[in-house]
Amino acid sequence: MTATADPTANAATDLTARARNLLRTGGPEDGSSWLEHVLGWTLVVVVAMFVTQVGWL
């Protein structure tokens, strides 16, 4: 008698792997560091313009 893999265990593992890929939020391993820098500095400039216009600080 040969051992066979449980199909529900494989399906659960596949589902977990797909869910993990869908729920990723990005990070250093994405290779988009230049985009993160551009978006970060854009946010800094927009917040600075808003603060200047509102008159806080």
C-alpha atoms as a PDB file:
ATOM      1  CA  MET A   1       0.000   0.000   0.000  1.00  0.00           C
ATOM      2  CA  THR A   2       1.401   3.388  -0.961  1.00  0.00           C
ATOM      3  CA  ALA A   3       0.895   6.594   0.937  1.00  0.00           C
ATOM      4  CA  THR A   4      -1.074   9.249  -0.902  1.00  0.00           C
ATOM      5  CA  ALA A   5      -1.219  12.901  -0.051  1.00  0.00           C
ATOM      6  CA  ASP A   6      -4.462  14.177   1.369  1.00  0.00           C
ATOM      7  CA  PRO A   7      -6.062  16.363  -1.350  1.00  0.00           C
ATOM      8  CA  THR A   8      -7.698  18.626   1.230  1.00  0.00           C
ATOM      9  CA  ALA A   9      -4.324  19.320   2.834  1.00  0.00           C
ATOM     10  CA  ASN A  10      -2.860  20.278  -0.551  1.00  0.00           C
ATOM     11  CA  ALA A  11      -5.875  22.464  -1.323  1.00  0.00           C
ATOM     12  CA  ALA A  12      -5.558  24.201   2.024  1.00  0.00           C
ATOM     13  CA  THR A  13      -1.848  24.805   1.442  1.00  0.00           C
ATOM     14  CA  ASP A  14      -2.519  26.200  -2.045  1.00  0.00           C
ATOM     15  CA  LEU A  15      -5.304  28.400  -0.722  1.00  0.00           C
ATOM     16  CA  THR A  16      -3.073  29.706   2.068  1.00  0.00           C
ATOM     17  CA  ALA A  17      -0.284  30.499  -0.394  1.00  0.00           C
ATOM     18  CA  ARG A  18      -2.659  32.351  -2.717  1.00  0.00           C
ATOM     19  CA  ALA A  19      -4.202  34.293   0.166  1.00  0.00           C
ATOM     20  CA  ARG A  20      -0.747  35.250   1.425  1.00  0.00           C
ATOM     21  CA  ASN A  21       0.163  36.595  -2.033  1.00  0.00           C
ATOM     22  CA  LEU A  22      -3.071  38.561  -2.296  1.00  0.00           C
ATOM     23  CA  LEU A  23      -2.695  40.117   1.153  1.00  0.00           C
ATOM     24  CA  ARG A  24       0.875  41.314   0.711  1.00  0.00           C
ATOM     25  CA  THR A  25       1.336  44.994   1.387  1.00  0.00           C
ATOM     26  CA  GLY A  26       4.653  45.391  -0.314  1.00  0.00           C
ATOM     27  CA  GLY A  27       8.018  45.817   1.236  1.00  0.00           C
ATOM     28  CA  PRO A  28      11.719  45.886   0.530  1.00  0.00           C
ATOM     29  CA  GLU A  29      11.724  42.727  -1.585  1.00  0.00           C
ATOM     30  CA  ASP A  30       9.332  44.177  -4.174  1.00  0.00           C
ATOM     31  CA  GLY A  31      12.113  46.007  -6.023  1.00  0.00           C
ATOM     32  CA  SER A  32      10.134  49.250  -6.235  1.00  0.00           C
ATOM     33  CA  SER A  33      12.332  51.375  -4.004  1.00  0.00           C
ATOM     34  CA  TRP A  34      12.458  54.268  -6.469  1.00  0.00           C
ATOM     35  CA  LEU A  35       8.655  54.382  -6.587  1.00  0.00           C
ATOM     36  CA  GLU A  36       8.472  54.354  -2.789  1.00  0.00           C
ATOM     37  CA  HIS A  37      10.952  57.237  -2.613  1.00  0.00           C
ATOM     38  CA  VAL A  38       9.056  59.294  -5.196  1.00  0.00           C
ATOM     39  CA  LEU A  39       5.708  58.691  -3.510  1.00  0.00           C
ATOM     40  CA  GLY A  40       7.181  59.386  -0.082  1.00  0.00           C
ATOM     41  CA  TRP A  41       8.708  62.699  -1.128  1.00  0.00           C
ATOM     42  CA  THR A  42       5.505  63.640  -2.952  1.00  0.00           C
ATOM     43  CA  LEU A  43       3.585  63.058   0.267  1.00  0.00           C
ATOM     44  CA  VAL A  44       6.093  65.185   2.189  1.00  0.00           C
ATOM     45  CA  VAL A  45       5.706  68.052  -0.285  1.00  0.00           C
ATOM     46  CA  VAL A  46       1.906  67.855  -0.288  1.00  0.00           C
ATOM     47  CA  VAL A  47       1.751  67.849   3.520  1.00  0.00           C
ATOM     48  CA  ALA A  48       4.186  70.780   3.653  1.00  0.00           C
ATOM     49  CA  MET A  49       2.062  72.736   1.175  1.00  0.00           C
ATOM     50  CA  PHE A  50      -1.084  71.971   3.166  1.00  0.00           C
ATOM     51  CA  VAL A  51       0.496  73.002   6.461  1.00  0.00           C
ATOM     52  CA  THR A  52       1.768  76.210   4.867  1.00  0.00           C
ATOM     53  CA  GLN A  53      -1.657  77.080   3.474  1.00  0.00           C
ATOM     54  CA  VAL A  54      -3.529  76.272   6.692  1.00  0.00           C
ATOM     55  CA  GLY A  55      -1.060  78.117   8.871  1.00  0.00           C
ATOM     56  CA  TRP A  56      -0.270  75.427  11.433  1.00  0.00           C
ATOM     57  CA  LEU A  57       3.199  75.465  12.947  1.00  0.00           C
END
